[in-house]
Amino acid sequence: MTTTRPRRLRAAAVLAALTVSAVPAWAAAAAADTGDDVVAAADRGALKAALGKVVKEGAVGAQAEVRDERGRWTGRSGTARLGTGRPVPENGRFRIGSTTKPFTATVVLQLVAEGKVSLDDTVERWLPGLVPGGSRITVRQLLNHTSGLFDYLQTEGMPKDGGDVLRDGRRTYTPEQLVRTAVANPPYFAPGAGWMYSNTNYILAGMIIERATGNTYREEVARRILKPLGLRDTFLPGTSVRIPGPHARGYFPRTVDPVGRLVDVTELNPSFAGAAGEMISTTADVGRFFTALLGGKLLAPEQLREMTTLVDISRQTGVPGLGYGLGLESVKLSCGVRSWGHGGSIPGYATYVGFTRDARRQAVLYATGMTGDDSDAAAKELVDRALCGR
């Protein structure tokens, strides 16, 4: 799960500064059970209340899917579109933001197992001349965010609020443009000397996949992960602004006048996110992916050990027990259980993921239009409750 706030693709973390003065009318919609519920009745009530709190505290809509030893529960809360009573679609599609990163990392690690890439290869080896100092940055450092490379999303021109998205949300970016934007800024630290989350790392990882295979990273993700697992509701949209199929509208607040006003940003060209965060999926498909990944169906044991070897980032994030592997986040929950996964956000949508290491307990949640820390805390509370079984 992402235990830090899922602001991976919110440049400048703008939502952290927003407050909600009152609960809007649409937030009063009750959480509804759906699906083949066989989780205990008491747990269903607690999960419904937790999901309803996500909306009550500021989200427009939310949907969750929880599985444990007893079965499955899904719930929906809020509305799919402001100004209507239309419910969030059951198993609707949404932008998963940085939950894309484990997909990218999995392909890189499969290439490592095949002997086509080494985690100790340098960026210069694969992308000569692109990154200053690239001869000192390894593939492993890209995947665990210890490269020190500046995050391009923190630069001018990236989507910082709803107004930015309305103005520039259909603009197309190439990976090369994003990397050159990043390296025009000084690095955070020397390679391996610290930890800092940077989307630049995963843009580079996607480019290395393409150099190593001769195919686009999208083609490799589809061939190696989506098709074998039957993830028919998961997409790599490239430059398309559409979310295909049933989906809730995505909303993003403005940080300039009128401050906090929610803007519909559903139609968005996600090329600015690329291999770091462009994907579209459903709670069910995200669940299938992490179940297969943690169950050893996508990676050989050696590569799965590499992926789950954590850098302790408690000090950097202020979250006790938080670690980052190769495209995986992990944290200790309130009951002492360690959760695995990767959350994400992109304008309009926030994703939360939590799995026990054996994948016997799992929770996937997305919310639209989140406007503050209280809603974020409620989402994390639901994941904690689902995995801790209370």
Protein backbone atom coordinates (compact mmCIF):
# COMPACT_ATOMS: atom_id res chain seq x y z
CA MET A 1 0.00 0.00 0.00
CA THR A 2 1.07 3.57 -0.32
CA THR A 3 1.25 4.75 3.24
CA THR A 4 2.52 8.16 2.37
CA ARG A 5 -0.11 10.26 0.72
CA PRO A 6 -0.57 9.09 -2.90
CA ARG A 7 0.78 12.30 -4.43
CA ARG A 8 3.25 10.65 -6.78
CA LEU A 9 1.98 12.48 -9.79
CA ARG A 10 0.79 15.65 -8.07
CA ALA A 11 3.68 17.93 -8.87
CA ALA A 12 4.49 20.08 -5.82
CA ALA A 13 2.04 18.00 -3.76
CA VAL A 14 -0.53 20.74 -4.05
CA LEU A 15 -3.43 18.91 -2.46
CA ALA A 16 -1.66 18.82 0.89
CA ALA A 17 -2.34 22.53 1.29
CA LEU A 18 -6.06 22.41 0.57
CA THR A 19 -8.78 22.32 3.17
CA VAL A 20 -12.49 21.65 2.91
CA SER A 21 -14.66 24.02 4.90
CA ALA A 22 -17.82 21.95 4.66
CA VAL A 23 -18.93 18.54 3.44
CA PRO A 24 -20.56 19.02 0.02
CA ALA A 25 -23.99 17.57 -0.64
CA TRP A 26 -22.72 14.76 -2.84
CA ALA A 27 -20.50 13.49 -0.03
CA ALA A 28 -23.52 12.26 1.89
CA ALA A 29 -24.13 9.34 -0.47
CA ALA A 30 -24.02 6.08 1.43
CA ALA A 31 -21.53 3.33 0.75
CA ALA A 32 -23.09 0.38 -1.04
CA ASP A 33 -22.12 -3.28 -1.03
CA THR A 34 -21.74 -4.99 -4.38
CA GLY A 35 -20.33 -8.25 -5.67
CA ASP A 36 -20.25 -11.71 -4.15
CA ASP A 37 -19.86 -10.73 -0.50
CA VAL A 38 -18.67 -13.52 1.75
CA VAL A 39 -16.54 -11.46 4.13
CA ALA A 40 -18.05 -11.58 7.64
CA ALA A 41 -21.01 -9.26 8.19
CA ALA A 42 -19.26 -7.32 10.96
CA ASP A 43 -16.31 -6.67 8.67
CA ARG A 44 -18.61 -5.53 5.88
CA GLY A 45 -20.12 -2.92 8.15
CA ALA A 46 -16.73 -1.61 9.18
CA LEU A 47 -15.49 -1.52 5.60
CA LYS A 48 -18.65 0.26 4.41
CA ALA A 49 -18.20 2.87 7.11
CA ALA A 50 -14.53 3.34 6.23
CA LEU A 51 -15.33 3.73 2.53
CA GLY A 52 -18.12 6.18 3.27
CA LYS A 53 -15.67 8.21 5.34
CA VAL A 54 -13.37 8.58 2.32
CA VAL A 55 -16.17 10.47 0.57
CA LYS A 56 -17.47 12.25 3.65
CA GLU A 57 -14.01 13.69 4.24
CA GLY A 58 -13.67 15.14 0.76
CA ALA A 59 -13.59 12.70 -2.16
CA VAL A 60 -16.22 12.82 -4.90
CA GLY A 61 -16.46 9.06 -5.32
CA ALA A 62 -14.66 5.90 -4.25
CA GLN A 63 -14.67 2.18 -4.90
CA ALA A 64 -12.88 -0.58 -2.99
CA GLU A 65 -12.31 -4.29 -3.35
CA VAL A 66 -11.19 -6.37 -0.36
CA ARG A 67 -10.28 -10.05 -0.26
CA ASP A 68 -9.31 -12.26 2.63
CA GLU A 69 -9.41 -15.91 3.65
CA ARG A 70 -13.22 -15.83 3.70
CA GLY A 71 -13.89 -14.22 0.36
CA ARG A 72 -14.46 -10.90 -1.35
CA TRP A 73 -16.17 -7.62 -0.61
CA THR A 74 -16.60 -4.66 -2.94
CA GLY A 75 -18.15 -1.33 -2.11
CA ARG A 76 -18.89 2.02 -3.69
CA SER A 77 -19.49 5.44 -2.22
CA GLY A 78 -20.20 8.92 -3.50
CA THR A 79 -21.04 9.72 -7.07
CA ALA A 80 -19.51 9.14 -10.47
CA ARG A 81 -20.15 12.71 -11.58
CA LEU A 82 -20.64 15.94 -9.68
CA GLY A 83 -24.17 17.28 -9.76
CA THR A 84 -25.73 13.86 -10.29
CA GLY A 85 -26.76 10.92 -8.17
CA ARG A 86 -25.17 8.45 -10.54
CA PRO A 87 -23.23 5.87 -8.50
CA VAL A 88 -19.59 5.05 -9.05
CA PRO A 89 -19.59 2.18 -11.58
CA GLU A 90 -18.97 -1.28 -10.22
CA ASN A 91 -15.44 -2.31 -11.22
CA GLY A 92 -15.11 0.89 -13.24
CA ARG A 93 -11.87 1.88 -14.89
CA PHE A 94 -9.62 4.62 -13.52
CA ARG A 95 -6.16 6.09 -13.97
CA ILE A 96 -3.83 4.27 -11.57
CA GLY A 97 -0.98 6.80 -11.62
CA SER A 98 2.19 5.50 -10.00
CA THR A 99 0.72 2.05 -9.52
CA THR A 100 2.10 1.77 -13.06
CA LYS A 101 5.63 1.59 -11.60
CA PRO A 102 5.45 -2.06 -10.41
CA PHE A 103 4.41 -3.08 -13.93
CA THR A 104 7.45 -1.29 -15.39
CA ALA A 105 9.76 -2.69 -12.72
CA THR A 106 8.44 -6.23 -13.33
CA VAL A 107 9.34 -6.05 -17.01
CA VAL A 108 12.84 -4.79 -16.18
CA LEU A 109 13.34 -7.65 -13.71
CA GLN A 110 12.11 -10.19 -16.25
CA LEU A 111 14.77 -8.85 -18.64
CA VAL A 112 17.33 -9.25 -15.85
CA ALA A 113 16.31 -12.89 -15.44
CA GLU A 114 16.73 -13.37 -19.19
CA GLY A 115 20.25 -11.92 -19.09
CA LYS A 116 19.30 -8.99 -21.32
CA VAL A 117 19.71 -6.33 -18.64
CA SER A 118 21.67 -6.23 -15.38
CA LEU A 119 20.63 -4.27 -12.31
CA ASP A 120 24.24 -3.07 -12.21
CA ASP A 121 24.12 -1.75 -15.77
CA THR A 122 24.48 2.01 -15.97
CA VAL A 123 22.13 4.46 -17.58
CA GLU A 124 25.00 5.47 -19.86
CA ARG A 125 25.30 1.87 -21.05
CA TRP A 126 21.75 1.93 -22.38
CA LEU A 127 21.10 5.60 -23.07
CA PRO A 128 24.47 7.12 -23.96
CA GLY A 129 24.76 10.88 -23.61
CA LEU A 130 21.22 11.40 -22.30
CA VAL A 131 21.88 11.81 -18.56
CA PRO A 132 24.88 13.75 -17.23
CA GLY A 133 26.70 11.44 -14.82
CA GLY A 134 24.75 8.50 -16.22
CA SER A 135 27.85 6.32 -16.00
CA ARG A 136 27.45 6.39 -12.20
CA ILE A 137 23.70 5.65 -12.08
CA THR A 138 22.59 2.00 -12.17
CA VAL A 139 19.33 0.38 -13.18
CA ARG A 140 18.85 -0.69 -9.56
CA GLN A 141 19.11 2.94 -8.45
CA LEU A 142 16.45 3.93 -10.94
CA LEU A 143 14.04 1.31 -9.65
CA ASN A 144 14.51 2.08 -5.94
CA HIS A 145 14.79 5.88 -6.33
CA THR A 146 18.37 6.21 -5.09
CA SER A 147 19.66 7.76 -8.34
CA GLY A 148 19.35 11.34 -7.08
CA LEU A 149 17.86 12.49 -10.39
CA PHE A 150 15.59 15.51 -10.23
CA ASP A 151 11.86 14.81 -10.65
CA TYR A 152 10.72 16.47 -13.87
CA LEU A 153 7.22 16.85 -12.42
CA GLN A 154 8.56 19.52 -10.08
CA THR A 155 9.34 21.86 -12.98
CA GLU A 156 7.29 24.65 -14.50
CA GLY A 157 4.77 23.53 -17.08
CA MET A 158 3.80 20.28 -15.41
CA PRO A 159 0.18 19.87 -14.18
CA LYS A 160 0.10 21.50 -10.75
CA ASP A 161 -3.61 22.23 -10.52
CA GLY A 162 -6.89 21.81 -12.33
CA GLY A 163 -6.37 24.98 -14.34
CA ASP A 164 -3.07 23.64 -15.66
CA VAL A 165 -4.77 20.47 -16.82
CA LEU A 166 -7.56 22.36 -18.56
CA ARG A 167 -4.98 24.50 -20.36
CA ASP A 168 -2.28 21.93 -21.21
CA GLY A 169 -3.87 18.56 -20.46
CA ARG A 170 -3.90 17.44 -24.09
CA ARG A 171 -0.25 18.23 -24.70
CA THR A 172 2.00 15.35 -25.80
CA TYR A 173 5.40 14.80 -24.19
CA THR A 174 8.11 12.37 -25.29
CA PRO A 175 10.24 10.48 -22.76
CA GLU A 176 13.32 12.29 -24.08
CA GLN A 177 11.67 15.66 -23.43
CA LEU A 178 10.79 14.66 -19.88
CA VAL A 179 14.31 13.43 -19.12
CA ARG A 180 15.93 16.54 -20.60
CA THR A 181 13.61 18.68 -18.50
CA ALA A 182 14.73 16.77 -15.41
CA VAL A 183 18.48 16.84 -16.03
CA ALA A 184 18.41 20.58 -16.70
CA ASN A 185 18.12 20.75 -12.89
CA PRO A 186 20.83 19.71 -10.43
CA PRO A 187 20.44 16.24 -8.88
CA TYR A 188 19.18 15.88 -5.34
CA PHE A 189 22.34 13.99 -4.32
CA ALA A 190 25.08 11.82 -5.76
CA PRO A 191 23.92 8.40 -7.02
CA GLY A 192 23.39 6.02 -4.10
CA ALA A 193 23.89 8.74 -1.47
CA GLY A 194 20.24 9.10 -0.48
CA TRP A 195 16.63 8.42 -1.40
CA MET A 196 14.17 10.68 -3.20
CA TYR A 197 11.06 9.69 -5.12
CA SER A 198 11.53 10.82 -8.72
CA ASN A 199 9.33 9.96 -11.67
CA THR A 200 12.34 10.57 -13.92
CA ASN A 201 13.71 7.20 -12.80
CA TYR A 202 10.82 5.29 -14.30
CA ILE A 203 10.73 7.26 -17.53
CA LEU A 204 14.34 6.10 -17.95
CA ALA A 205 13.41 2.53 -16.99
CA GLY A 206 10.79 2.52 -19.75
CA MET A 207 13.36 3.78 -22.24
CA ILE A 208 15.80 1.02 -21.21
CA ILE A 209 13.09 -1.59 -21.79
CA GLU A 210 12.69 -0.27 -25.32
CA ARG A 211 16.44 -0.29 -26.01
CA ALA A 212 16.83 -3.82 -24.64
CA THR A 213 13.89 -5.37 -26.49
CA GLY A 214 13.40 -3.30 -29.62
CA ASN A 215 9.75 -2.88 -28.64
CA THR A 216 7.96 -0.10 -26.84
CA TYR A 217 7.64 -0.54 -23.10
CA ARG A 218 3.85 -0.60 -23.63
CA GLU A 219 4.17 -3.58 -25.96
CA GLU A 220 6.35 -5.40 -23.45
CA VAL A 221 3.99 -4.74 -20.53
CA ALA A 222 1.07 -6.00 -22.60
CA ARG A 223 2.93 -9.09 -23.87
CA ARG A 224 4.56 -10.07 -20.58
CA ILE A 225 1.89 -9.12 -18.02
CA LEU A 226 -1.51 -8.07 -19.33
CA LYS A 227 -2.10 -10.90 -21.80
CA PRO A 228 -0.76 -13.79 -19.65
CA LEU A 229 -2.82 -12.64 -16.66
CA GLY A 230 -5.94 -11.86 -18.70
CA LEU A 231 -6.04 -8.23 -17.55
CA ARG A 232 -8.57 -7.17 -20.16
CA ASP A 233 -9.57 -3.99 -18.35
CA THR A 234 -6.03 -2.62 -18.10
CA PHE A 235 -4.67 -0.21 -20.70
CA LEU A 236 -1.56 1.76 -21.58
CA PRO A 237 -3.18 4.75 -23.27
CA GLY A 238 -0.09 6.48 -24.63
CA THR A 239 -1.37 9.85 -25.85
CA SER A 240 -5.09 9.01 -25.86
CA VAL A 241 -7.11 11.31 -23.59
CA ARG A 242 -9.98 8.85 -23.12
CA ILE A 243 -10.71 6.31 -20.41
CA PRO A 244 -12.41 3.46 -22.31
CA GLY A 245 -15.48 1.80 -20.86
CA PRO A 246 -17.37 2.58 -17.64
CA HIS A 247 -15.61 5.06 -15.35
CA ALA A 248 -16.18 7.78 -12.80
CA ARG A 249 -15.21 11.31 -13.77
CA GLY A 250 -11.91 12.55 -12.38
CA TYR A 251 -11.66 15.89 -10.55
CA PHE A 252 -8.66 17.97 -9.56
CA PRO A 253 -8.70 21.16 -7.46
CA ARG A 254 -7.32 24.52 -8.44
CA THR A 255 -4.61 26.10 -6.29
CA VAL A 256 -5.18 29.57 -7.70
CA ASP A 257 -8.40 31.58 -7.83
CA PRO A 258 -10.87 30.12 -7.24
CA VAL A 259 -8.76 28.11 -4.79
CA GLY A 260 -10.01 24.58 -4.19
CA ARG A 261 -12.58 24.60 -6.96
CA LEU A 262 -12.81 21.12 -8.48
CA VAL A 263 -12.17 20.87 -12.21
CA ASP A 264 -13.16 17.90 -14.39
CA VAL A 265 -9.86 16.48 -15.69
CA THR A 266 -11.13 13.11 -16.91
CA GLU A 267 -9.89 13.72 -20.43
CA LEU A 268 -6.13 13.92 -20.02
CA ASN A 269 -3.16 13.05 -22.21
CA PRO A 270 -1.05 10.93 -19.82
CA SER A 271 2.15 11.10 -21.89
CA PHE A 272 3.60 13.33 -19.16
CA ALA A 273 3.44 10.26 -16.89
CA GLY A 274 4.50 7.50 -19.31
CA ALA A 275 6.19 4.47 -17.74
CA ALA A 276 6.00 6.24 -14.37
CA GLY A 277 2.22 6.52 -14.22
CA GLU A 278 0.08 6.42 -17.37
CA MET A 279 -1.90 3.20 -16.94
CA ILE A 280 -5.66 2.69 -16.64
CA SER A 281 -7.08 -0.32 -14.80
CA THR A 282 -9.73 -1.57 -12.36
CA THR A 283 -9.56 -2.67 -8.74
CA ALA A 284 -10.04 -6.28 -9.86
CA ASP A 285 -7.21 -6.18 -12.41
CA VAL A 286 -4.85 -4.42 -10.01
CA GLY A 287 -5.64 -7.13 -7.49
CA ARG A 288 -4.90 -9.90 -9.99
CA PHE A 289 -1.58 -8.29 -10.89
CA PHE A 290 -0.30 -8.01 -7.32
CA THR A 291 -1.57 -11.50 -6.45
CA ALA A 292 0.44 -12.92 -9.35
CA LEU A 293 3.48 -10.77 -8.62
CA LEU A 294 3.73 -11.57 -4.91
CA GLY A 295 2.86 -15.21 -5.63
CA GLY A 296 5.92 -15.64 -7.85
CA LYS A 297 4.01 -16.04 -11.12
CA LEU A 298 5.70 -13.11 -12.85
CA LEU A 299 9.23 -13.17 -11.46
CA ALA A 300 11.78 -15.85 -10.66
CA PRO A 301 12.66 -16.14 -6.94
CA GLU A 302 15.94 -14.24 -7.29
CA GLN A 303 14.28 -11.29 -8.99
CA LEU A 304 11.36 -11.27 -6.55
CA ARG A 305 13.91 -11.14 -3.70
CA GLU A 306 15.53 -8.16 -5.37
CA MET A 307 12.17 -6.45 -5.79
CA THR A 308 11.24 -6.95 -2.13
CA THR A 309 14.63 -5.84 -0.73
CA LEU A 310 13.77 -2.54 0.89
CA VAL A 311 15.51 0.78 1.35
CA ASP A 312 14.36 2.19 4.70
CA ILE A 313 12.76 5.55 3.91
CA SER A 314 11.18 6.22 7.29
CA ARG A 315 13.36 9.26 7.93
CA GLN A 316 12.84 10.79 4.49
CA THR A 317 9.06 10.38 4.56
CA GLY A 318 8.29 10.63 8.26
CA VAL A 319 6.37 7.33 8.06
CA PRO A 320 7.70 4.74 10.55
CA GLY A 321 8.43 1.35 9.01
CA LEU A 322 8.13 2.54 5.41
CA GLY A 323 10.46 0.95 2.87
CA TYR A 324 10.86 1.03 -0.90
CA GLY A 325 12.08 -1.88 -3.00
CA LEU A 326 12.32 -2.14 -6.79
CA GLY A 327 8.94 -0.70 -7.68
CA LEU A 328 7.26 -1.83 -4.44
CA GLU A 329 6.34 0.07 -1.29
CA SER A 330 6.03 -1.69 2.06
CA VAL A 331 5.01 -0.50 5.51
CA LYS A 332 4.09 -1.94 8.90
CA LEU A 333 0.41 -1.46 9.70
CA SER A 334 -1.22 -0.80 13.06
CA CYS A 335 -1.35 -4.52 13.88
CA GLY A 336 2.31 -5.12 12.99
CA VAL A 337 1.49 -6.78 9.66
CA ARG A 338 3.67 -5.58 6.78
CA SER A 339 1.74 -4.39 3.73
CA TRP A 340 3.07 -4.57 0.17
CA GLY A 341 2.00 -2.78 -2.99
CA HIS A 342 2.29 0.62 -4.62
CA GLY A 343 -0.19 3.45 -4.54
CA GLY A 344 -0.43 6.24 -7.01
CA SER A 345 -2.09 9.40 -8.13
CA ILE A 346 -2.56 11.39 -11.27
CA PRO A 347 -4.83 14.42 -11.70
CA GLY A 348 -8.35 13.24 -10.93
CA TYR A 349 -7.64 9.84 -9.37
CA ALA A 350 -5.88 8.42 -6.31
CA THR A 351 -5.07 4.71 -5.84
CA TYR A 352 -4.33 2.76 -2.66
CA VAL A 353 -3.00 -0.79 -2.64
CA GLY A 354 -2.26 -3.13 0.29
CA PHE A 355 -1.39 -6.84 0.24
CA THR A 356 0.01 -9.17 2.83
CA ARG A 357 3.17 -10.86 1.57
CA ASP A 358 1.25 -14.10 0.91
CA ALA A 359 -1.54 -12.09 -0.79
CA ARG A 360 -4.16 -13.82 1.39
CA ARG A 361 -5.42 -10.42 2.50
CA GLN A 362 -5.61 -7.57 0.05
CA ALA A 363 -7.29 -4.24 -0.56
CA VAL A 364 -7.42 -2.01 -3.62
CA LEU A 365 -9.16 1.35 -3.45
CA TYR A 366 -9.47 4.32 -5.75
CA ALA A 367 -11.02 7.70 -5.17
CA THR A 368 -11.80 10.68 -7.37
CA GLY A 369 -11.46 14.35 -6.54
CA MET A 370 -9.70 13.96 -3.20
CA THR A 371 -9.25 17.39 -1.61
CA GLY A 372 -7.34 16.90 1.61
CA ASP A 373 -5.51 14.84 4.16
CA ASP A 374 -8.63 13.64 6.01
CA SER A 375 -9.91 11.74 2.98
CA ASP A 376 -6.45 10.34 2.38
CA ALA A 377 -6.28 9.18 6.00
CA ALA A 378 -9.68 7.50 5.68
CA ALA A 379 -8.51 5.57 2.60
CA LYS A 380 -5.43 4.35 4.44
CA GLU A 381 -7.62 3.41 7.39
CA LEU A 382 -9.70 1.15 5.13
CA VAL A 383 -6.59 -0.62 3.83
CA ASP A 384 -5.25 -1.03 7.37
CA ARG A 385 -8.57 -2.44 8.56
CA ALA A 386 -8.78 -4.86 5.64
CA LEU A 387 -5.29 -6.28 6.15
CA CYS A 388 -5.36 -6.30 9.94
CA GLY A 389 -8.77 -7.99 9.99
CA ARG A 390 -10.47 -5.68 12.44
